Amino acid sequence: MQMGLDFNLVEDLVAGVDEVGRGPLCGAVVTAAVILDPQRPILGLNDSKKLTEAKREKLFDEICEKALSFCIARAEVEEIDQLNILHATMLAMQRAVEGLSVTPKLALIDGNRCPQLSVPAAPVVKGDSQVPAIAAASILAKVTRDREMAAFELIYPGYGIGGHKGYPTPVHLEALARLGPTPIHRRSFAPVRAAFEARDAINGGFAEV
């Protein structure tokens, strides 16, 4: 349900919820839920995309230290392919809220729709630049996912995953066509599906030994 909210006057125990990774061709979608502590303010919270990597890393540690509660959750590639990216994102958000050690009185969700939750919830369009708790959630989710992409760069070299973070950049699309998909690529996404089909067509041209 949509609520009329004064973001400066919302009651305590409000969880901000955000996601990172809906658009990439590979990797999980990562979500976070954060309940900030009014007694321990955190300066500089903003939409994670508007912050430098160094600033996000610094704020990540501060949020983890000062928040009343936080939870980072995810939906894996297999779940994305099975459910579709929207439903997988809603599932990951649900997991983040349910994983909080403190039950919020309200969950504010970045975007225009809410997952099914056991607590009242409201969507907030561009919430990561309006609601500090959502901004904090966006930072936790993005730093977590970026770290995973850096690790995948070492496991699957040649794709440039650490740079583009899995998004369909020309570099990524070229590598996907040249090298084929990896186990972390989302089969339900069109460019990946095309790469799988191309690989199968090539493999199908050879008799099994």
N, C-alpha and C. Protein backbone atom coordinates (compact mmCIF):
# COMPACT_ATOMS: atom_id res chain seq x y z
N MET A 1 0.83 -1.20 0.00
CA MET A 1 0.00 0.00 0.00
C MET A 1 0.87 1.25 0.00
N GLN A 2 0.41 2.26 -0.69
CA GLN A 2 1.15 3.52 -0.73
C GLN A 2 0.70 4.39 0.43
N MET A 3 1.63 5.02 1.11
CA MET A 3 1.31 5.90 2.23
C MET A 3 1.81 7.30 1.96
N GLY A 4 1.08 8.28 2.49
CA GLY A 4 1.60 9.64 2.47
C GLY A 4 2.57 9.80 3.63
N LEU A 5 3.81 10.09 3.34
CA LEU A 5 4.83 10.07 4.39
C LEU A 5 5.63 11.36 4.39
N ASP A 6 5.86 11.90 5.58
CA ASP A 6 6.84 12.94 5.76
C ASP A 6 8.12 12.23 6.21
N PHE A 7 9.11 12.18 5.32
CA PHE A 7 10.28 11.36 5.58
C PHE A 7 11.09 11.87 6.76
N ASN A 8 10.87 13.09 7.18
CA ASN A 8 11.59 13.62 8.34
C ASN A 8 10.87 13.32 9.65
N LEU A 9 9.65 12.82 9.56
CA LEU A 9 8.86 12.63 10.77
C LEU A 9 8.42 11.19 10.98
N VAL A 10 8.91 10.26 10.15
CA VAL A 10 8.49 8.88 10.33
C VAL A 10 8.98 8.36 11.67
N GLU A 11 8.20 7.46 12.25
CA GLU A 11 8.50 6.96 13.59
C GLU A 11 9.77 6.11 13.59
N ASP A 12 10.25 5.84 14.80
CA ASP A 12 11.41 4.98 14.94
C ASP A 12 11.09 3.57 14.47
N LEU A 13 12.13 2.75 14.35
CA LEU A 13 12.00 1.37 13.90
C LEU A 13 11.41 1.28 12.49
N VAL A 14 11.91 2.16 11.63
CA VAL A 14 11.58 2.08 10.21
C VAL A 14 12.74 1.39 9.49
N ALA A 15 12.42 0.38 8.73
CA ALA A 15 13.44 -0.31 7.95
C ALA A 15 13.45 0.24 6.53
N GLY A 16 14.62 0.59 6.06
CA GLY A 16 14.79 0.94 4.66
C GLY A 16 15.25 -0.29 3.90
N VAL A 17 14.71 -0.49 2.71
CA VAL A 17 15.00 -1.70 1.94
C VAL A 17 15.36 -1.30 0.50
N ASP A 18 16.44 -1.88 -0.02
CA ASP A 18 16.83 -1.60 -1.40
C ASP A 18 17.51 -2.83 -1.99
N GLU A 19 17.67 -2.81 -3.32
CA GLU A 19 18.29 -3.93 -4.02
C GLU A 19 19.36 -3.41 -4.97
N VAL A 20 20.26 -4.30 -5.33
CA VAL A 20 21.26 -4.03 -6.36
C VAL A 20 21.38 -5.28 -7.22
N GLY A 21 21.40 -5.09 -8.53
CA GLY A 21 21.67 -6.23 -9.39
C GLY A 21 20.51 -6.76 -10.19
N ARG A 22 19.51 -5.93 -10.46
CA ARG A 22 18.41 -6.41 -11.29
C ARG A 22 18.82 -6.48 -12.76
N GLY A 23 19.65 -5.56 -13.21
CA GLY A 23 19.97 -5.47 -14.62
C GLY A 23 21.10 -6.34 -15.14
N PRO A 24 22.05 -6.78 -14.30
CA PRO A 24 23.18 -7.54 -14.80
C PRO A 24 22.79 -8.87 -15.43
N LEU A 25 23.70 -9.40 -16.24
CA LEU A 25 23.50 -10.69 -16.89
C LEU A 25 23.98 -11.85 -16.04
N CYS A 26 24.68 -11.55 -14.95
CA CYS A 26 25.22 -12.62 -14.13
C CYS A 26 25.20 -12.23 -12.66
N GLY A 27 25.28 -13.24 -11.81
CA GLY A 27 25.33 -13.02 -10.37
C GLY A 27 23.97 -12.88 -9.73
N ALA A 28 23.97 -12.93 -8.42
CA ALA A 28 22.74 -12.82 -7.64
C ALA A 28 22.21 -11.39 -7.63
N VAL A 29 20.94 -11.24 -7.29
CA VAL A 29 20.41 -9.92 -6.93
C VAL A 29 20.55 -9.83 -5.41
N VAL A 30 21.13 -8.74 -4.93
CA VAL A 30 21.44 -8.58 -3.51
C VAL A 30 20.57 -7.47 -2.93
N THR A 31 20.00 -7.73 -1.77
CA THR A 31 19.14 -6.75 -1.10
C THR A 31 19.65 -6.51 0.31
N ALA A 32 19.20 -5.41 0.89
CA ALA A 32 19.52 -5.13 2.28
C ALA A 32 18.35 -4.42 2.94
N ALA A 33 18.20 -4.65 4.22
CA ALA A 33 17.23 -3.93 5.05
C ALA A 33 18.00 -3.34 6.23
N VAL A 34 17.73 -2.09 6.53
CA VAL A 34 18.47 -1.40 7.59
C VAL A 34 17.51 -0.61 8.47
N ILE A 35 17.67 -0.76 9.78
CA ILE A 35 16.99 0.11 10.75
C ILE A 35 18.07 0.97 11.40
N LEU A 36 18.03 2.26 11.14
CA LEU A 36 19.04 3.15 11.69
C LEU A 36 18.73 3.50 13.14
N ASP A 37 19.77 3.86 13.86
CA ASP A 37 19.64 4.27 15.26
C ASP A 37 19.63 5.81 15.32
N PRO A 38 18.50 6.43 15.71
CA PRO A 38 18.46 7.90 15.76
C PRO A 38 19.50 8.50 16.70
N GLN A 39 19.95 7.71 17.67
CA GLN A 39 20.94 8.19 18.62
C GLN A 39 22.37 8.12 18.07
N ARG A 40 22.53 7.47 16.94
CA ARG A 40 23.87 7.32 16.35
C ARG A 40 23.82 7.70 14.87
N PRO A 41 23.70 8.99 14.59
CA PRO A 41 23.54 9.43 13.20
C PRO A 41 24.76 9.09 12.34
N ILE A 42 24.49 8.87 11.07
CA ILE A 42 25.53 8.59 10.09
C ILE A 42 25.50 9.67 9.03
N LEU A 43 26.58 10.42 8.91
CA LEU A 43 26.63 11.52 7.96
C LEU A 43 26.99 11.03 6.57
N GLY A 44 26.41 11.65 5.55
CA GLY A 44 26.81 11.36 4.18
C GLY A 44 26.03 10.27 3.49
N LEU A 45 24.94 9.79 4.11
CA LEU A 45 24.15 8.74 3.47
C LEU A 45 23.49 9.30 2.21
N ASN A 46 23.57 8.53 1.14
CA ASN A 46 22.97 8.94 -0.13
C ASN A 46 22.82 7.70 -1.00
N ASP A 47 22.11 7.86 -2.10
CA ASP A 47 22.00 6.80 -3.09
C ASP A 47 23.41 6.27 -3.37
N SER A 48 23.60 4.96 -3.25
CA SER A 48 24.94 4.39 -3.38
C SER A 48 25.58 4.70 -4.73
N LYS A 49 24.75 4.86 -5.77
CA LYS A 49 25.29 5.13 -7.11
C LYS A 49 25.90 6.53 -7.20
N LYS A 50 25.56 7.40 -6.26
CA LYS A 50 26.06 8.78 -6.27
C LYS A 50 27.31 8.94 -5.42
N LEU A 51 27.77 7.85 -4.83
CA LEU A 51 28.94 7.91 -3.95
C LEU A 51 30.13 7.23 -4.61
N THR A 52 31.32 7.65 -4.25
CA THR A 52 32.52 6.98 -4.75
C THR A 52 32.65 5.62 -4.07
N GLU A 53 33.43 4.76 -4.68
CA GLU A 53 33.64 3.43 -4.09
C GLU A 53 34.26 3.54 -2.70
N ALA A 54 35.21 4.44 -2.54
CA ALA A 54 35.86 4.62 -1.24
C ALA A 54 34.86 5.09 -0.19
N LYS A 55 33.98 6.01 -0.57
CA LYS A 55 32.98 6.51 0.37
C LYS A 55 31.98 5.41 0.74
N ARG A 56 31.58 4.60 -0.25
CA ARG A 56 30.66 3.49 0.03
C ARG A 56 31.28 2.50 1.01
N GLU A 57 32.55 2.19 0.79
CA GLU A 57 33.23 1.23 1.67
C GLU A 57 33.29 1.76 3.11
N LYS A 58 33.58 3.05 3.25
CA LYS A 58 33.64 3.66 4.59
C LYS A 58 32.28 3.63 5.27
N LEU A 59 31.25 4.01 4.49
CA LEU A 59 29.90 4.03 5.06
C LEU A 59 29.39 2.63 5.36
N PHE A 60 29.81 1.65 4.56
CA PHE A 60 29.41 0.26 4.82
C PHE A 60 29.79 -0.13 6.24
N ASP A 61 31.03 0.11 6.60
CA ASP A 61 31.50 -0.25 7.94
C ASP A 61 30.76 0.53 9.02
N GLU A 62 30.50 1.82 8.75
CA GLU A 62 29.82 2.65 9.75
C GLU A 62 28.38 2.21 9.94
N ILE A 63 27.72 1.86 8.85
CA ILE A 63 26.33 1.39 8.94
C ILE A 63 26.27 0.09 9.75
N CYS A 64 27.17 -0.83 9.45
CA CYS A 64 27.18 -2.11 10.17
C CYS A 64 27.44 -1.90 11.66
N GLU A 65 28.24 -0.88 11.98
CA GLU A 65 28.57 -0.61 13.38
C GLU A 65 27.43 0.09 14.12
N LYS A 66 26.77 1.03 13.46
CA LYS A 66 25.84 1.92 14.16
C LYS A 66 24.36 1.56 14.01
N ALA A 67 23.99 0.80 13.01
CA ALA A 67 22.57 0.51 12.79
C ALA A 67 22.00 -0.30 13.95
N LEU A 68 20.71 -0.06 14.24
CA LEU A 68 20.04 -0.88 15.24
C LEU A 68 19.96 -2.33 14.76
N SER A 69 19.73 -2.49 13.47
CA SER A 69 19.68 -3.82 12.90
C SER A 69 19.87 -3.71 11.39
N PHE A 70 20.51 -4.72 10.82
CA PHE A 70 20.59 -4.77 9.36
C PHE A 70 20.66 -6.22 8.93
N CYS A 71 20.24 -6.47 7.70
CA CYS A 71 20.33 -7.80 7.14
C CYS A 71 20.58 -7.68 5.64
N ILE A 72 21.56 -8.41 5.15
CA ILE A 72 21.85 -8.48 3.72
C ILE A 72 21.38 -9.84 3.22
N ALA A 73 20.58 -9.83 2.17
CA ALA A 73 20.01 -11.07 1.65
C ALA A 73 20.17 -11.11 0.13
N ARG A 74 19.66 -12.17 -0.49
CA ARG A 74 19.92 -12.34 -1.92
C ARG A 74 18.93 -13.33 -2.52
N ALA A 75 18.87 -13.30 -3.83
CA ALA A 75 18.25 -14.38 -4.59
C ALA A 75 19.28 -14.83 -5.61
N GLU A 76 19.51 -16.12 -5.68
CA GLU A 76 20.58 -16.66 -6.50
C GLU A 76 20.17 -16.72 -7.97
N VAL A 77 21.16 -16.97 -8.82
CA VAL A 77 20.93 -17.03 -10.27
C VAL A 77 19.85 -18.05 -10.61
N GLU A 78 19.89 -19.21 -9.94
CA GLU A 78 18.90 -20.25 -10.22
C GLU A 78 17.49 -19.77 -9.89
N GLU A 79 17.36 -18.99 -8.82
CA GLU A 79 16.05 -18.47 -8.45
C GLU A 79 15.58 -17.39 -9.43
N ILE A 80 16.52 -16.58 -9.90
CA ILE A 80 16.19 -15.56 -10.90
C ILE A 80 15.66 -16.23 -12.17
N ASP A 81 16.34 -17.29 -12.60
CA ASP A 81 15.92 -17.98 -13.83
C ASP A 81 14.59 -18.69 -13.65
N GLN A 82 14.34 -19.16 -12.44
CA GLN A 82 13.10 -19.90 -12.19
C GLN A 82 11.91 -18.96 -12.00
N LEU A 83 12.11 -17.87 -11.28
CA LEU A 83 11.00 -17.00 -10.88
C LEU A 83 10.80 -15.80 -11.81
N ASN A 84 11.82 -15.32 -12.43
CA ASN A 84 12.03 -14.07 -13.17
C ASN A 84 12.62 -13.04 -12.22
N ILE A 85 13.23 -12.01 -12.77
CA ILE A 85 14.02 -11.10 -11.95
C ILE A 85 13.16 -10.29 -10.97
N LEU A 86 11.95 -9.92 -11.37
CA LEU A 86 11.09 -9.15 -10.47
C LEU A 86 10.73 -9.97 -9.24
N HIS A 87 10.24 -11.17 -9.45
CA HIS A 87 9.82 -11.99 -8.31
C HIS A 87 11.01 -12.42 -7.46
N ALA A 88 12.15 -12.65 -8.09
CA ALA A 88 13.35 -12.98 -7.32
C ALA A 88 13.78 -11.79 -6.45
N THR A 89 13.65 -10.57 -6.99
CA THR A 89 13.99 -9.38 -6.22
C THR A 89 13.06 -9.23 -5.03
N MET A 90 11.76 -9.44 -5.24
CA MET A 90 10.81 -9.35 -4.13
C MET A 90 11.12 -10.40 -3.06
N LEU A 91 11.51 -11.61 -3.48
CA LEU A 91 11.87 -12.66 -2.54
C LEU A 91 13.10 -12.26 -1.73
N ALA A 92 14.09 -11.69 -2.40
CA ALA A 92 15.30 -11.27 -1.69
C ALA A 92 15.01 -10.15 -0.70
N MET A 93 14.14 -9.22 -1.09
CA MET A 93 13.75 -8.15 -0.16
C MET A 93 13.01 -8.73 1.05
N GLN A 94 12.13 -9.67 0.80
CA GLN A 94 11.41 -10.33 1.89
C GLN A 94 12.40 -10.99 2.85
N ARG A 95 13.39 -11.66 2.30
CA ARG A 95 14.41 -12.30 3.14
C ARG A 95 15.18 -11.29 3.98
N ALA A 96 15.48 -10.13 3.39
CA ALA A 96 16.22 -9.11 4.12
C ALA A 96 15.43 -8.59 5.31
N VAL A 97 14.15 -8.30 5.09
CA VAL A 97 13.31 -7.78 6.19
C VAL A 97 13.11 -8.85 7.26
N GLU A 98 12.85 -10.08 6.82
CA GLU A 98 12.63 -11.16 7.79
C GLU A 98 13.90 -11.49 8.57
N GLY A 99 15.05 -11.15 8.01
CA GLY A 99 16.32 -11.45 8.67
C GLY A 99 16.74 -10.41 9.70
N LEU A 100 15.99 -9.31 9.83
CA LEU A 100 16.34 -8.29 10.82
C LEU A 100 16.17 -8.85 12.23
N SER A 101 17.09 -8.49 13.12
CA SER A 101 17.00 -8.96 14.51
C SER A 101 15.99 -8.14 15.31
N VAL A 102 15.60 -6.99 14.77
CA VAL A 102 14.58 -6.13 15.38
C VAL A 102 13.42 -6.03 14.39
N THR A 103 12.21 -6.24 14.85
CA THR A 103 11.05 -6.16 13.95
C THR A 103 10.68 -4.71 13.72
N PRO A 104 10.71 -4.25 12.48
CA PRO A 104 10.35 -2.84 12.22
C PRO A 104 8.85 -2.62 12.31
N LYS A 105 8.48 -1.39 12.59
CA LYS A 105 7.06 -1.02 12.57
C LYS A 105 6.59 -0.69 11.16
N LEU A 106 7.55 -0.37 10.31
CA LEU A 106 7.25 0.00 8.92
C LEU A 106 8.48 -0.31 8.07
N ALA A 107 8.23 -0.81 6.87
CA ALA A 107 9.32 -1.02 5.91
C ALA A 107 9.09 -0.11 4.72
N LEU A 108 10.08 0.70 4.39
CA LEU A 108 10.03 1.58 3.23
C LEU A 108 10.89 0.96 2.14
N ILE A 109 10.26 0.69 1.00
CA ILE A 109 10.89 -0.06 -0.08
C ILE A 109 11.24 0.88 -1.22
N ASP A 110 12.49 0.88 -1.64
CA ASP A 110 12.87 1.71 -2.78
C ASP A 110 12.17 1.19 -4.04
N GLY A 111 11.54 2.10 -4.79
CA GLY A 111 10.87 1.69 -6.02
C GLY A 111 9.38 1.94 -5.96
N ASN A 112 8.66 1.22 -6.82
CA ASN A 112 7.21 1.47 -6.94
C ASN A 112 6.36 0.27 -6.55
N ARG A 113 6.97 -0.74 -5.94
CA ARG A 113 6.17 -1.86 -5.46
C ARG A 113 6.84 -2.50 -4.26
N CYS A 114 6.05 -3.25 -3.50
CA CYS A 114 6.53 -3.86 -2.25
C CYS A 114 6.43 -5.38 -2.32
N PRO A 115 7.35 -6.06 -1.65
CA PRO A 115 7.21 -7.50 -1.48
C PRO A 115 6.13 -7.80 -0.44
N GLN A 116 5.71 -9.04 -0.38
CA GLN A 116 4.78 -9.45 0.67
C GLN A 116 5.54 -9.55 1.98
N LEU A 117 5.13 -8.74 2.96
CA LEU A 117 5.82 -8.72 4.25
C LEU A 117 4.82 -8.89 5.38
N SER A 118 5.33 -9.26 6.54
CA SER A 118 4.48 -9.41 7.73
C SER A 118 4.35 -8.11 8.49
N VAL A 119 5.01 -7.04 8.01
CA VAL A 119 4.91 -5.72 8.64
C VAL A 119 4.38 -4.74 7.60
N PRO A 120 3.81 -3.60 8.03
CA PRO A 120 3.34 -2.60 7.07
C PRO A 120 4.49 -2.12 6.19
N ALA A 121 4.19 -1.86 4.93
CA ALA A 121 5.23 -1.45 3.99
C ALA A 121 4.68 -0.42 3.02
N ALA A 122 5.58 0.40 2.49
CA ALA A 122 5.21 1.40 1.49
C ALA A 122 6.35 1.56 0.50
N PRO A 123 6.04 1.65 -0.79
CA PRO A 123 7.09 1.91 -1.77
C PRO A 123 7.43 3.40 -1.80
N VAL A 124 8.67 3.71 -2.07
CA VAL A 124 9.13 5.11 -2.17
C VAL A 124 9.96 5.23 -3.44
N VAL A 125 9.43 5.88 -4.45
CA VAL A 125 10.17 6.08 -5.69
C VAL A 125 11.36 6.99 -5.42
N LYS A 126 12.52 6.59 -5.90
CA LYS A 126 13.78 7.29 -5.63
C LYS A 126 14.03 7.43 -4.13
N GLY A 127 13.63 6.41 -3.40
CA GLY A 127 13.77 6.43 -1.95
C GLY A 127 15.21 6.48 -1.48
N ASP A 128 16.15 5.96 -2.30
CA ASP A 128 17.54 5.94 -1.85
C ASP A 128 18.15 7.33 -1.79
N SER A 129 17.48 8.33 -2.39
CA SER A 129 17.97 9.71 -2.28
C SER A 129 17.07 10.55 -1.37
N GLN A 130 16.05 9.92 -0.77
CA GLN A 130 15.13 10.66 0.12
C GLN A 130 15.11 10.14 1.55
N VAL A 131 15.26 8.84 1.71
CA VAL A 131 15.12 8.20 3.03
C VAL A 131 16.47 7.65 3.46
N PRO A 132 17.04 8.16 4.55
CA PRO A 132 18.37 7.70 4.96
C PRO A 132 18.49 6.19 5.14
N ALA A 133 17.46 5.55 5.69
CA ALA A 133 17.53 4.10 5.90
C ALA A 133 17.58 3.35 4.58
N ILE A 134 16.88 3.85 3.55
CA ILE A 134 16.95 3.22 2.23
C ILE A 134 18.33 3.45 1.62
N ALA A 135 18.86 4.66 1.79
CA ALA A 135 20.21 4.94 1.30
C ALA A 135 21.22 3.99 1.95
N ALA A 136 21.06 3.78 3.24
CA ALA A 136 21.96 2.86 3.95
C ALA A 136 21.83 1.45 3.38
N ALA A 137 20.61 1.03 3.11
CA ALA A 137 20.39 -0.30 2.53
C ALA A 137 21.02 -0.41 1.15
N SER A 138 20.92 0.66 0.37
CA SER A 138 21.50 0.62 -0.98
C SER A 138 23.02 0.49 -0.91
N ILE A 139 23.63 1.11 0.08
CA ILE A 139 25.08 1.03 0.24
C ILE A 139 25.50 -0.39 0.64
N LEU A 140 24.79 -0.98 1.60
CA LEU A 140 25.14 -2.34 2.02
C LEU A 140 24.99 -3.32 0.86
N ALA A 141 23.91 -3.17 0.09
CA ALA A 141 23.66 -4.10 -1.01
C ALA A 141 24.71 -3.93 -2.11
N LYS A 142 25.01 -2.69 -2.45
CA LYS A 142 25.95 -2.46 -3.56
C LYS A 142 27.37 -2.88 -3.20
N VAL A 143 27.83 -2.53 -2.01
CA VAL A 143 29.18 -2.92 -1.62
C VAL A 143 29.31 -4.45 -1.58
N THR A 144 28.29 -5.10 -1.04
CA THR A 144 28.30 -6.56 -0.97
C THR A 144 28.38 -7.17 -2.37
N ARG A 145 27.54 -6.69 -3.27
CA ARG A 145 27.52 -7.27 -4.62
C ARG A 145 28.80 -6.94 -5.39
N ASP A 146 29.29 -5.71 -5.24
CA ASP A 146 30.53 -5.34 -5.94
C ASP A 146 31.70 -6.21 -5.48
N ARG A 147 31.75 -6.53 -4.20
CA ARG A 147 32.81 -7.40 -3.69
C ARG A 147 32.69 -8.80 -4.31
N GLU A 148 31.47 -9.27 -4.45
CA GLU A 148 31.27 -10.58 -5.07
C GLU A 148 31.72 -10.56 -6.53
N MET A 149 31.41 -9.48 -7.23
CA MET A 149 31.80 -9.39 -8.63
C MET A 149 33.33 -9.35 -8.77
N ALA A 150 34.00 -8.69 -7.83
CA ALA A 150 35.47 -8.66 -7.85
C ALA A 150 36.03 -10.07 -7.65
N ALA A 151 35.38 -10.85 -6.80
CA ALA A 151 35.82 -12.23 -6.58
C ALA A 151 35.58 -13.08 -7.83
N PHE A 152 34.45 -12.87 -8.50
CA PHE A 152 34.15 -13.63 -9.71
C PHE A 152 35.11 -13.28 -10.84
N GLU A 153 35.66 -12.09 -10.81
CA GLU A 153 36.67 -11.69 -11.80
C GLU A 153 37.85 -12.67 -11.77
N LEU A 154 38.21 -13.13 -10.57
CA LEU A 154 39.33 -14.06 -10.42
C LEU A 154 38.93 -15.48 -10.82
N ILE A 155 37.67 -15.84 -10.58
CA ILE A 155 37.20 -17.19 -10.88
C ILE A 155 36.94 -17.36 -12.37
N TYR A 156 36.40 -16.29 -12.98
CA TYR A 156 36.04 -16.34 -14.40
C TYR A 156 36.75 -15.20 -15.14
N PRO A 157 38.06 -15.33 -15.35
CA PRO A 157 38.80 -14.25 -16.01
C PRO A 157 38.39 -14.12 -17.47
N GLY A 158 38.58 -12.92 -17.99
CA GLY A 158 38.32 -12.68 -19.40
C GLY A 158 37.00 -11.99 -19.71
N TYR A 159 36.12 -11.95 -18.71
CA TYR A 159 34.81 -11.32 -18.92
C TYR A 159 34.76 -9.87 -18.46
N GLY A 160 35.73 -9.46 -17.65
CA GLY A 160 35.72 -8.10 -17.12
C GLY A 160 34.69 -7.87 -16.05
N ILE A 161 34.29 -8.93 -15.34
CA ILE A 161 33.19 -8.84 -14.39
C ILE A 161 33.48 -7.83 -13.28
N GLY A 162 34.73 -7.75 -12.85
CA GLY A 162 35.06 -6.81 -11.78
C GLY A 162 34.85 -5.36 -12.17
N GLY A 163 34.90 -5.08 -13.47
CA GLY A 163 34.70 -3.71 -13.94
C GLY A 163 33.25 -3.38 -14.20
N HIS A 164 32.57 -4.20 -15.02
CA HIS A 164 31.18 -3.88 -15.38
C HIS A 164 30.15 -4.45 -14.42
N LYS A 165 30.60 -5.28 -13.47
CA LYS A 165 29.74 -5.84 -12.43
C LYS A 165 28.62 -6.71 -12.99
N GLY A 166 28.83 -7.21 -14.19
CA GLY A 166 27.82 -8.10 -14.78
C GLY A 166 26.84 -7.42 -15.69
N TYR A 167 26.88 -6.10 -15.76
CA TYR A 167 25.93 -5.38 -16.63
C TYR A 167 26.27 -5.63 -18.10
N PRO A 168 25.29 -5.51 -18.99
CA PRO A 168 25.50 -5.84 -20.41
C PRO A 168 26.24 -4.77 -21.19
N THR A 169 27.47 -4.50 -20.81
CA THR A 169 28.31 -3.55 -21.53
C THR A 169 28.84 -4.21 -22.81
N PRO A 170 29.34 -3.41 -23.76
CA PRO A 170 29.94 -4.01 -24.97
C PRO A 170 31.05 -5.00 -24.64
N VAL A 171 31.88 -4.69 -23.65
CA VAL A 171 32.96 -5.60 -23.25
C VAL A 171 32.39 -6.93 -22.78
N HIS A 172 31.34 -6.87 -21.97
CA HIS A 172 30.74 -8.09 -21.44
C HIS A 172 30.07 -8.90 -22.55
N LEU A 173 29.34 -8.24 -23.41
CA LEU A 173 28.64 -8.94 -24.49
C LEU A 173 29.62 -9.59 -25.45
N GLU A 174 30.72 -8.91 -25.73
CA GLU A 174 31.74 -9.48 -26.62
C GLU A 174 32.36 -10.72 -25.99
N ALA A 175 32.69 -10.63 -24.69
CA ALA A 175 33.29 -11.77 -24.00
C ALA A 175 32.30 -12.93 -23.92
N LEU A 176 31.05 -12.62 -23.70
CA LEU A 176 30.02 -13.65 -23.62
C LEU A 176 29.91 -14.41 -24.95
N ALA A 177 29.95 -13.67 -26.05
CA ALA A 177 29.88 -14.30 -27.37
C ALA A 177 31.15 -15.11 -27.67
N ARG A 178 32.29 -14.61 -27.21
CA ARG A 178 33.57 -15.26 -27.53
C ARG A 178 33.85 -16.45 -26.63
N LEU A 179 33.57 -16.31 -25.34
CA LEU A 179 33.93 -17.32 -24.36
C LEU A 179 32.78 -18.23 -23.96
N GLY A 180 31.56 -17.78 -24.24
CA GLY A 180 30.39 -18.54 -23.80
C GLY A 180 30.01 -18.19 -22.37
N PRO A 181 28.84 -18.60 -21.92
CA PRO A 181 28.36 -18.27 -20.57
C PRO A 181 29.05 -19.09 -19.49
N THR A 182 29.10 -18.53 -18.30
CA THR A 182 29.64 -19.22 -17.12
C THR A 182 28.48 -19.73 -16.27
N PRO A 183 28.75 -20.51 -15.24
CA PRO A 183 27.68 -20.96 -14.35
C PRO A 183 26.95 -19.84 -13.62
N ILE A 184 27.55 -18.65 -13.54
CA ILE A 184 26.88 -17.56 -12.83
C ILE A 184 26.06 -16.67 -13.76
N HIS A 185 26.01 -16.99 -15.04
CA HIS A 185 25.20 -16.20 -15.96
C HIS A 185 23.73 -16.61 -15.88
N ARG A 186 22.86 -15.63 -16.05
CA ARG A 186 21.41 -15.83 -15.93
C ARG A 186 20.85 -16.32 -17.27
N ARG A 187 20.49 -17.58 -17.32
CA ARG A 187 20.02 -18.20 -18.56
C ARG A 187 18.74 -17.57 -19.09
N SER A 188 17.95 -16.97 -18.21
CA SER A 188 16.67 -16.39 -18.62
C SER A 188 16.82 -15.02 -19.28
N PHE A 189 18.03 -14.45 -19.25
CA PHE A 189 18.25 -13.15 -19.88
C PHE A 189 18.66 -13.37 -21.34
N ALA A 190 18.09 -12.59 -22.24
CA ALA A 190 18.21 -12.85 -23.68
C ALA A 190 19.64 -13.00 -24.18
N PRO A 191 20.58 -12.11 -23.85
CA PRO A 191 21.94 -12.28 -24.38
C PRO A 191 22.60 -13.57 -23.90
N VAL A 192 22.30 -13.98 -22.68
CA VAL A 192 22.87 -15.21 -22.14
C VAL A 192 22.23 -16.41 -22.82
N ARG A 193 20.92 -16.37 -22.97
CA ARG A 193 20.21 -17.45 -23.65
C ARG A 193 20.77 -17.64 -25.06
N ALA A 194 21.03 -16.53 -25.75
CA ALA A 194 21.59 -16.60 -27.10
C ALA A 194 22.98 -17.23 -27.08
N ALA A 195 23.77 -16.93 -26.06
CA ALA A 195 25.11 -17.50 -25.96
C ALA A 195 25.05 -19.00 -25.69
N PHE A 196 24.11 -19.42 -24.84
CA PHE A 196 23.93 -20.85 -24.59
C PHE A 196 23.51 -21.56 -25.88
N GLU A 197 22.58 -20.96 -26.62
CA GLU A 197 22.11 -21.58 -27.85
C GLU A 197 23.23 -21.69 -28.88
N ALA A 198 24.08 -20.65 -28.95
CA ALA A 198 25.20 -20.68 -29.88
C ALA A 198 26.19 -21.77 -29.49
N ARG A 199 26.45 -21.90 -28.19
CA ARG A 199 27.37 -22.94 -27.72
C ARG A 199 26.82 -24.33 -28.02
N ASP A 200 25.50 -24.51 -27.77
CA ASP A 200 24.88 -25.81 -28.02
C ASP A 200 24.91 -26.14 -29.51
N ALA A 201 24.75 -25.12 -30.36
CA ALA A 201 24.78 -25.36 -31.80
C ALA A 201 26.16 -25.82 -32.23
N ILE A 202 27.20 -25.20 -31.65
CA ILE A 202 28.57 -25.60 -31.96
C ILE A 202 28.85 -27.01 -31.47
N ASN A 203 28.45 -27.27 -30.22
CA ASN A 203 28.70 -28.60 -29.64
C ASN A 203 27.92 -29.66 -30.39
N GLY A 204 26.75 -29.27 -30.86
CA GLY A 204 25.92 -30.23 -31.59
C GLY A 204 26.50 -30.63 -32.92
N GLY A 205 27.47 -29.85 -33.40
CA GLY A 205 28.08 -30.16 -34.68
C GLY A 205 29.20 -31.18 -34.60
N PHE A 206 29.51 -31.63 -33.35
CA PHE A 206 30.58 -32.60 -33.17
C PHE A 206 30.01 -33.88 -32.57
N ALA A 207 30.47 -34.98 -33.07
CA ALA A 207 30.04 -36.25 -32.51
C ALA A 207 30.75 -36.49 -31.19
N GLU A 208 30.03 -37.05 -30.23
CA GLU A 208 30.63 -37.33 -28.93
C GLU A 208 31.62 -38.47 -29.07
N VAL A 209 32.75 -38.31 -28.40
CA VAL A 209 33.77 -39.36 -28.45
C VAL A 209 33.47 -40.40 -27.38
